[in-house]
């Protein structure tokens, strides 16, 4: 059992290393939690699932992943940036249209819904968390940085992680650390969302989506060469 502790701890550190930097997905997750905690829990699970998936792929095929993603990384970054810019534009438009005393705008990329108290599911029923999970899986998966991060990490550690128990311990550490961090952001966003006025919440959404737009521009450059 003790020989698996090292890979598990290494996986936890790797999971936190990719999850903790406050990028666009962290901002979107916080905003989701301010409106709909139940959907945000599903969103957090979606982000962690992608981290686990990329870690598993890199553990099995680290050098192959690095060699095949690297040549098209600039194009994938550009596609990711365009998606994030669309999300930011929709979020800013929703925030601008919301009166100062009304319910806060819907979270990024969420389908338009009738105005409703923030804790409700907007009439979407129990399927909303499943759709939110899928949406956040898709948004996280288009970022090549996570794939390259795990590919470089697992390649540097050699073939030891490719053995069954050791690799499983590493992946368990990645999944648990990433999921716990994302759920911490859900708790934080839910706590803040329940204690601020609708007007302040609208301004936090404007700021948050502005940060998403800035992040999108940052990852878009340098542009791919034709």
C-alpha atoms as a PDB file:
ATOM      1  CA  UNK A   1       0.000   0.000   0.000  1.00  0.00           C
ATOM      2  CA  UNK A   2       2.813   2.377   0.858  1.00  0.00           C
ATOM      3  CA  UNK A   3       4.323   2.013  -2.627  1.00  0.00           C
ATOM      4  CA  UNK A   4       1.112   3.466  -4.066  1.00  0.00           C
ATOM      5  CA  UNK A   5       1.140   6.509  -1.802  1.00  0.00           C
ATOM      6  CA  UNK A   6       3.889   8.214  -3.807  1.00  0.00           C
ATOM      7  CA  UNK A   7       2.052   8.017  -7.164  1.00  0.00           C
ATOM      8  CA  UNK A   8      -1.222   9.037  -5.481  1.00  0.00           C
ATOM      9  CA  UNK A   9       0.396  12.120  -3.937  1.00  0.00           C
ATOM     10  CA  UNK A  10       2.091  12.909  -7.257  1.00  0.00           C
ATOM     11  CA  UNK A  11      -1.289  12.654  -8.964  1.00  0.00           C
ATOM     12  CA  UNK A  12      -2.898  14.943  -6.382  1.00  0.00           C
ATOM     13  CA  UNK A  13      -0.179  17.533  -6.894  1.00  0.00           C
ATOM     14  CA  UNK A  14      -0.571  17.260 -10.658  1.00  0.00           C
ATOM     15  CA  UNK A  15      -4.347  17.608 -10.372  1.00  0.00           C
ATOM     16  CA  UNK A  16      -4.045  20.720  -8.244  1.00  0.00           C
ATOM     17  CA  UNK A  17      -1.391  22.090 -10.578  1.00  0.00           C
ATOM     18  CA  UNK A  18      -3.786  22.040 -13.518  1.00  0.00           C
ATOM     19  CA  UNK A  19      -6.930  22.969 -11.543  1.00  0.00           C
ATOM     20  CA  UNK A  20      -5.859  25.773  -9.218  1.00  0.00           C
ATOM     21  CA  UNK A  21      -4.746  28.477 -11.689  1.00  0.00           C
ATOM     22  CA  UNK A  22      -7.720  30.822 -12.032  1.00  0.00           C
ATOM     23  CA  UNK A  23      -8.453  30.633 -15.735  1.00  0.00           C
ATOM     24  CA  UNK A  24     -11.619  31.115 -17.713  1.00  0.00           C
ATOM     25  CA  UNK A  25     -13.210  27.869 -16.549  1.00  0.00           C
ATOM     26  CA  UNK A  26     -12.734  28.814 -12.897  1.00  0.00           C
ATOM     27  CA  UNK A  27     -14.460  32.150 -13.495  1.00  0.00           C
ATOM     28  CA  UNK A  28     -17.349  30.492 -15.317  1.00  0.00           C
ATOM     29  CA  UNK A  29     -17.698  27.874 -12.591  1.00  0.00           C
ATOM     30  CA  UNK A  30     -17.848  30.538  -9.873  1.00  0.00           C
ATOM     31  CA  UNK A  31     -20.562  32.366 -11.776  1.00  0.00           C
ATOM     32  CA  UNK A  32     -22.506  29.156 -12.341  1.00  0.00           C
ATOM     33  CA  UNK A  33     -22.378  28.505  -8.590  1.00  0.00           C
ATOM     34  CA  UNK A  34     -23.678  31.998  -7.815  1.00  0.00           C
ATOM     35  CA  UNK A  35     -26.838  31.200  -9.763  1.00  0.00           C
ATOM     36  CA  UNK A  36     -27.425  27.447  -9.591  1.00  0.00           C
ATOM     37  CA  UNK A  37     -25.430  25.427  -7.107  1.00  0.00           C
ATOM     38  CA  UNK A  38     -26.827  22.096  -8.274  1.00  0.00           C
ATOM     39  CA  UNK A  39     -25.823  22.762 -11.881  1.00  0.00           C
ATOM     40  CA  UNK A  40     -22.438  24.052 -10.714  1.00  0.00           C
ATOM     41  CA  UNK A  41     -21.754  20.787  -8.896  1.00  0.00           C
ATOM     42  CA  UNK A  42     -22.293  19.006 -12.210  1.00  0.00           C
ATOM     43  CA  UNK A  43     -20.082  21.559 -13.979  1.00  0.00           C
ATOM     44  CA  UNK A  44     -17.283  20.972 -11.471  1.00  0.00           C
ATOM     45  CA  UNK A  45     -17.559  17.233 -12.063  1.00  0.00           C
ATOM     46  CA  UNK A  46     -17.331  17.851 -15.812  1.00  0.00           C
ATOM     47  CA  UNK A  47     -14.115  19.843 -15.480  1.00  0.00           C
ATOM     48  CA  UNK A  48     -12.586  17.203 -13.209  1.00  0.00           C
ATOM     49  CA  UNK A  49     -13.670  14.460 -15.637  1.00  0.00           C
ATOM     50  CA  UNK A  50     -11.720  16.104 -18.455  1.00  0.00           C
ATOM     51  CA  UNK A  51      -8.650  16.449 -16.227  1.00  0.00           C
ATOM     52  CA  UNK A  52      -8.918  12.749 -15.428  1.00  0.00           C
ATOM     53  CA  UNK A  53      -9.453  11.826 -19.064  1.00  0.00           C
ATOM     54  CA  UNK A  54      -6.427  13.746 -20.269  1.00  0.00           C
ATOM     55  CA  UNK A  55      -4.320  12.352 -17.423  1.00  0.00           C
ATOM     56  CA  UNK A  56      -5.375   8.798 -18.322  1.00  0.00           C
ATOM     57  CA  UNK A  57      -4.618   9.371 -21.993  1.00  0.00           C
ATOM     58  CA  UNK A  58      -1.249  10.895 -21.207  1.00  0.00           C
ATOM     59  CA  UNK A  59      -0.369   8.129 -18.764  1.00  0.00           C
ATOM     60  CA  UNK A  60      -0.970   5.523 -21.436  1.00  0.00           C
ATOM     61  CA  UNK A  61       0.238   7.477 -24.463  1.00  0.00           C
ATOM     62  CA  UNK A  62       2.271  10.402 -23.144  1.00  0.00           C
ATOM     63  CA  UNK A  63       4.829  10.779 -25.952  1.00  0.00           C
ATOM     64  CA  UNK A  64       2.180  10.132 -28.632  1.00  0.00           C
ATOM     65  CA  UNK A  65      -0.157  12.781 -27.173  1.00  0.00           C
ATOM     66  CA  UNK A  66       2.649  15.337 -26.975  1.00  0.00           C
ATOM     67  CA  UNK A  67       3.776  14.720 -30.564  1.00  0.00           C
ATOM     68  CA  UNK A  68       0.261  14.851 -32.049  1.00  0.00           C
ATOM     69  CA  UNK A  69      -1.163  17.783 -30.096  1.00  0.00           C
ATOM     70  CA  UNK A  70       1.906  20.015 -30.332  1.00  0.00           C
ATOM     71  CA  UNK A  71       1.780  20.546 -34.141  1.00  0.00           C
ATOM     72  CA  UNK A  72      -1.805  21.833 -34.027  1.00  0.00           C
ATOM     73  CA  UNK A  73      -1.679  23.514 -30.613  1.00  0.00           C
ATOM     74  CA  UNK A  74      -1.858  27.046 -32.059  1.00  0.00           C
ATOM     75  CA  UNK A  75      -5.006  26.213 -34.043  1.00  0.00           C
ATOM     76  CA  UNK A  76      -6.648  24.550 -31.048  1.00  0.00           C
ATOM     77  CA  UNK A  77      -5.772  27.584 -28.927  1.00  0.00           C
ATOM     78  CA  UNK A  78      -7.344  29.858 -31.520  1.00  0.00           C
ATOM     79  CA  UNK A  79     -10.522  27.753 -31.608  1.00  0.00           C
ATOM     80  CA  UNK A  80     -10.642  27.787 -27.802  1.00  0.00           C
ATOM     81  CA  UNK A  81     -10.221  31.558 -27.770  1.00  0.00           C
ATOM     82  CA  UNK A  82     -13.067  32.058 -30.243  1.00  0.00           C
ATOM     83  CA  UNK A  83     -15.392  29.869 -28.169  1.00  0.00           C
ATOM     84  CA  UNK A  84     -14.501  31.782 -25.007  1.00  0.00           C
ATOM     85  CA  UNK A  85     -15.031  35.121 -26.748  1.00  0.00           C
ATOM     86  CA  UNK A  86     -18.532  34.044 -27.802  1.00  0.00           C
ATOM     87  CA  UNK A  87     -19.267  32.991 -24.219  1.00  0.00           C
ATOM     88  CA  UNK A  88     -17.948  36.297 -22.891  1.00  0.00           C
ATOM     89  CA  UNK A  89     -19.974  38.310 -25.433  1.00  0.00           C
ATOM     90  CA  UNK A  90     -23.183  36.468 -24.562  1.00  0.00           C
ATOM     91  CA  UNK A  91     -22.532  36.886 -20.859  1.00  0.00           C
ATOM     92  CA  UNK A  92     -21.778  40.594 -21.165  1.00  0.00           C
ATOM     93  CA  UNK A  93     -24.884  41.160 -23.274  1.00  0.00           C
ATOM     94  CA  UNK A  94     -27.001  39.339 -20.695  1.00  0.00           C
ATOM     95  CA  UNK A  95     -25.420  41.296 -17.830  1.00  0.00           C
ATOM     96  CA  UNK A  96     -25.897  44.611 -19.638  1.00  0.00           C
ATOM     97  CA  UNK A  97     -29.552  43.840 -20.341  1.00  0.00           C
ATOM     98  CA  UNK A  98     -30.287  42.926 -16.711  1.00  0.00           C
ATOM     99  CA  UNK A  99     -31.689  45.864 -14.702  1.00  0.00           C
ATOM    100  CA  UNK A 100     -29.791  46.661 -11.524  1.00  0.00           C
ATOM    101  CA  UNK A 101     -32.596  45.411  -9.297  1.00  0.00           C
ATOM    102  CA  UNK A 102     -33.430  42.234 -11.198  1.00  0.00           C
ATOM    103  CA  UNK A 103     -32.234  38.670 -10.920  1.00  0.00           C
ATOM    104  CA  UNK A 104     -28.652  38.212 -12.084  1.00  0.00           C
ATOM    105  CA  UNK A 105     -28.061  37.110 -15.673  1.00  0.00           C
ATOM    106  CA  UNK A 106     -27.774  33.491 -16.566  1.00  0.00           C
ATOM    107  CA  UNK A 107     -24.399  31.792 -16.422  1.00  0.00           C
ATOM    108  CA  UNK A 108     -22.142  31.614 -19.450  1.00  0.00           C
ATOM    109  CA  UNK A 109     -23.407  29.659 -22.434  1.00  0.00           C
ATOM    110  CA  UNK A 110     -26.611  28.710 -20.600  1.00  0.00           C
ATOM    111  CA  UNK A 111     -29.751  28.751 -22.714  1.00  0.00           C
ATOM    112  CA  UNK A 112     -31.955  31.778 -22.183  1.00  0.00           C
ATOM    113  CA  UNK A 113     -34.557  31.160 -19.497  1.00  0.00           C
ATOM    114  CA  UNK A 114     -37.378  33.175 -17.958  1.00  0.00           C
ATOM    115  CA  UNK A 115     -36.401  35.294 -14.985  1.00  0.00           C
ATOM    116  CA  UNK A 116     -36.470  33.190 -11.822  1.00  0.00           C
ATOM    117  CA  UNK A 117     -34.895  33.169  -8.394  1.00  0.00           C
ATOM    118  CA  UNK A 118     -31.254  32.149  -8.586  1.00  0.00           C
ATOM    119  CA  UNK A 119     -31.568  28.846  -6.684  1.00  0.00           C
ATOM    120  CA  UNK A 120     -34.198  27.491  -9.069  1.00  0.00           C
ATOM    121  CA  UNK A 121     -33.492  25.472 -12.169  1.00  0.00           C
ATOM    122  CA  UNK A 122     -35.316  27.923 -14.446  1.00  0.00           C
ATOM    123  CA  UNK A 123     -37.965  25.344 -15.264  1.00  0.00           C
ATOM    124  CA  UNK A 124     -35.441  23.077 -16.975  1.00  0.00           C
ATOM    125  CA  UNK A 125     -36.190  20.128 -14.755  1.00  0.00           C
ATOM    126  CA  UNK A 126     -33.716  17.528 -13.573  1.00  0.00           C
ATOM    127  CA  UNK A 127     -31.920  17.400 -16.940  1.00  0.00           C
ATOM    128  CA  UNK A 128     -30.216  20.762 -16.423  1.00  0.00           C
ATOM    129  CA  UNK A 129     -27.249  19.357 -14.406  1.00  0.00           C
ATOM    130  CA  UNK A 130     -26.636  16.744 -17.126  1.00  0.00           C
ATOM    131  CA  UNK A 131     -26.585  19.425 -19.826  1.00  0.00           C
ATOM    132  CA  UNK A 132     -24.331  21.591 -17.681  1.00  0.00           C
ATOM    133  CA  UNK A 133     -21.969  18.651 -17.166  1.00  0.00           C
ATOM    134  CA  UNK A 134     -21.748  18.074 -20.908  1.00  0.00           C
ATOM    135  CA  UNK A 135     -21.260  21.766 -21.665  1.00  0.00           C
ATOM    136  CA  UNK A 136     -18.357  22.106 -19.231  1.00  0.00           C
ATOM    137  CA  UNK A 137     -16.790  18.883 -20.480  1.00  0.00           C
ATOM    138  CA  UNK A 138     -16.821  20.315 -24.005  1.00  0.00           C
ATOM    139  CA  UNK A 139     -15.479  23.714 -22.958  1.00  0.00           C
ATOM    140  CA  UNK A 140     -12.657  22.193 -20.907  1.00  0.00           C
ATOM    141  CA  UNK A 141     -11.737  19.601 -23.511  1.00  0.00           C
ATOM    142  CA  UNK A 142     -10.971  22.155 -26.238  1.00  0.00           C
ATOM    143  CA  UNK A 143      -8.059  23.538 -24.226  1.00  0.00           C
ATOM    144  CA  UNK A 144      -4.877  21.743 -25.384  1.00  0.00           C
ATOM    145  CA  UNK A 145      -2.870  23.016 -22.415  1.00  0.00           C
ATOM    146  CA  UNK A 146      -4.280  20.339 -20.117  1.00  0.00           C
ATOM    147  CA  UNK A 147      -3.373  17.550 -22.536  1.00  0.00           C
ATOM    148  CA  UNK A 148       0.156  18.874 -23.022  1.00  0.00           C
ATOM    149  CA  UNK A 149       0.570  19.415 -19.278  1.00  0.00           C
ATOM    150  CA  UNK A 150      -0.183  15.797 -18.431  1.00  0.00           C
ATOM    151  CA  UNK A 151       1.710  14.478 -21.443  1.00  0.00           C
ATOM    152  CA  UNK A 152       4.858  16.325 -20.394  1.00  0.00           C
ATOM    153  CA  UNK A 153       4.422  15.335 -16.763  1.00  0.00           C
ATOM    154  CA  UNK A 154       3.873  11.644 -17.372  1.00  0.00           C
ATOM    155  CA  UNK A 155       6.598  11.441 -20.017  1.00  0.00           C
ATOM    156  CA  UNK A 156       9.081  13.005 -17.609  1.00  0.00           C
ATOM    157  CA  UNK A 157       8.224  10.410 -14.965  1.00  0.00           C
ATOM    158  CA  UNK A 158       9.021   7.534 -17.282  1.00  0.00           C
ATOM    159  CA  UNK A 159       7.236   4.227 -17.692  1.00  0.00           C
ATOM    160  CA  UNK A 160       6.566   3.641 -13.993  1.00  0.00           C
ATOM    161  CA  UNK A 161       3.119   5.213 -14.197  1.00  0.00           C
ATOM    162  CA  UNK A 162       2.091   2.846 -16.964  1.00  0.00           C
ATOM    163  CA  UNK A 163       1.915  -0.161 -14.642  1.00  0.00           C
ATOM    164  CA  UNK A 164      -1.600  -0.986 -13.477  1.00  0.00           C
ATOM    165  CA  UNK A 165      -1.676  -0.211  -9.728  1.00  0.00           C
ATOM    166  CA  UNK A 166       0.792   2.670  -9.911  1.00  0.00           C
ATOM    167  CA  UNK A 167      -0.985   4.327 -12.821  1.00  0.00           C
ATOM    168  CA  UNK A 168      -4.365   3.837 -11.133  1.00  0.00           C
ATOM    169  CA  UNK A 169      -3.082   5.465  -7.924  1.00  0.00           C
ATOM    170  CA  UNK A 170      -1.744   8.417  -9.923  1.00  0.00           C
ATOM    171  CA  UNK A 171      -5.058   8.869 -11.746  1.00  0.00           C
ATOM    172  CA  UNK A 172      -7.037   8.582  -8.503  1.00  0.00           C
ATOM    173  CA  UNK A 173      -4.921  11.372  -7.039  1.00  0.00           C
ATOM    174  CA  UNK A 174      -5.507  13.559 -10.113  1.00  0.00           C
ATOM    175  CA  UNK A 175      -9.264  12.995 -10.097  1.00  0.00           C
ATOM    176  CA  UNK A 176      -9.736  13.531  -6.366  1.00  0.00           C
ATOM    177  CA  UNK A 177      -7.613  16.680  -6.170  1.00  0.00           C
ATOM    178  CA  UNK A 178      -9.194  18.267  -9.247  1.00  0.00           C
ATOM    179  CA  UNK A 179     -12.734  17.420  -8.136  1.00  0.00           C
ATOM    180  CA  UNK A 180     -12.201  18.712  -4.593  1.00  0.00           C
ATOM    181  CA  UNK A 181     -10.785  22.000  -5.891  1.00  0.00           C
ATOM    182  CA  UNK A 182     -13.625  22.517  -8.358  1.00  0.00           C
ATOM    183  CA  UNK A 183     -16.189  21.748  -5.659  1.00  0.00           C
ATOM    184  CA  UNK A 184     -14.453  24.230  -3.367  1.00  0.00           C
ATOM    185  CA  UNK A 185     -15.036  26.873  -6.047  1.00  0.00           C
ATOM    186  CA  UNK A 186     -18.701  25.838  -6.160  1.00  0.00           C
ATOM    187  CA  UNK A 187     -19.038  26.314  -2.398  1.00  0.00           C
ATOM    188  CA  UNK A 188     -17.253  29.676  -2.623  1.00  0.00           C
ATOM    189  CA  UNK A 189     -19.426  30.903  -5.488  1.00  0.00           C
ATOM    190  CA  UNK A 190     -22.610  29.732  -3.797  1.00  0.00           C
ATOM    191  CA  UNK A 191     -21.615  31.418  -0.535  1.00  0.00           C
ATOM    192  CA  UNK A 192     -20.902  34.726  -2.242  1.00  0.00           C
ATOM    193  CA  UNK A 193     -23.957  34.569  -4.496  1.00  0.00           C
ATOM    194  CA  UNK A 194     -26.315  34.143  -1.544  1.00  0.00           C
ATOM    195  CA  UNK A 195     -24.922  37.189   0.259  1.00  0.00           C
ATOM    196  CA  UNK A 196     -24.683  39.903  -2.380  1.00  0.00           C
ATOM    197  CA  UNK A 197     -27.436  42.073  -3.808  1.00  0.00           C
ATOM    198  CA  UNK A 198     -28.717  41.507  -7.359  1.00  0.00           C
ATOM    199  CA  UNK A 199     -27.031  44.741  -8.478  1.00  0.00           C
ATOM    200  CA  UNK A 200     -23.641  43.646  -7.119  1.00  0.00           C
ATOM    201  CA  UNK A 201     -24.115  40.211  -8.649  1.00  0.00           C
ATOM    202  CA  UNK A 202     -24.718  41.770 -12.075  1.00  0.00           C
ATOM    203  CA  UNK A 203     -21.460  43.722 -11.767  1.00  0.00           C
ATOM    204  CA  UNK A 204     -19.564  40.590 -10.760  1.00  0.00           C
ATOM    205  CA  UNK A 205     -20.870  38.932 -13.918  1.00  0.00           C
ATOM    206  CA  UNK A 206     -19.739  41.860 -16.034  1.00  0.00           C
ATOM    207  CA  UNK A 207     -16.293  41.709 -14.466  1.00  0.00           C
ATOM    208  CA  UNK A 208     -16.132  37.931 -14.744  1.00  0.00           C
ATOM    209  CA  UNK A 209     -17.054  37.822 -18.412  1.00  0.00           C
ATOM    210  CA  UNK A 210     -14.633  40.658 -19.083  1.00  0.00           C
ATOM    211  CA  UNK A 211     -11.910  38.490 -17.543  1.00  0.00           C
ATOM    212  CA  UNK A 212     -12.982  35.573 -19.726  1.00  0.00           C
ATOM    213  CA  UNK A 213     -12.643  37.789 -22.815  1.00  0.00           C
ATOM    214  CA  UNK A 214      -9.192  38.945 -21.699  1.00  0.00           C
ATOM    215  CA  UNK A 215      -8.152  35.354 -21.063  1.00  0.00           C
ATOM    216  CA  UNK A 216      -9.376  34.339 -24.528  1.00  0.00           C
ATOM    217  CA  UNK A 217      -7.266  37.035 -26.163  1.00  0.00           C
ATOM    218  CA  UNK A 218      -4.251  35.982 -24.132  1.00  0.00           C
ATOM    219  CA  UNK A 219      -4.406  32.330 -25.177  1.00  0.00           C
ATOM    220  CA  UNK A 220      -5.083  33.228 -28.840  1.00  0.00           C
ATOM    221  CA  UNK A 221      -1.630  34.732 -29.347  1.00  0.00           C
ATOM    222  CA  UNK A 222       0.670  34.050 -31.028  1.00  0.00           C
ATOM    223  CA  UNK A 223      -1.652  33.339 -33.936  1.00  0.00           C
ATOM    224  CA  UNK A 224      -1.035  30.150 -35.933  1.00  0.00           C
ATOM    225  CA  UNK A 225       1.044  30.550 -39.050  1.00  0.00           C
ATOM    226  CA  UNK A 226      -0.567  29.572 -42.307  1.00  0.00           C
END
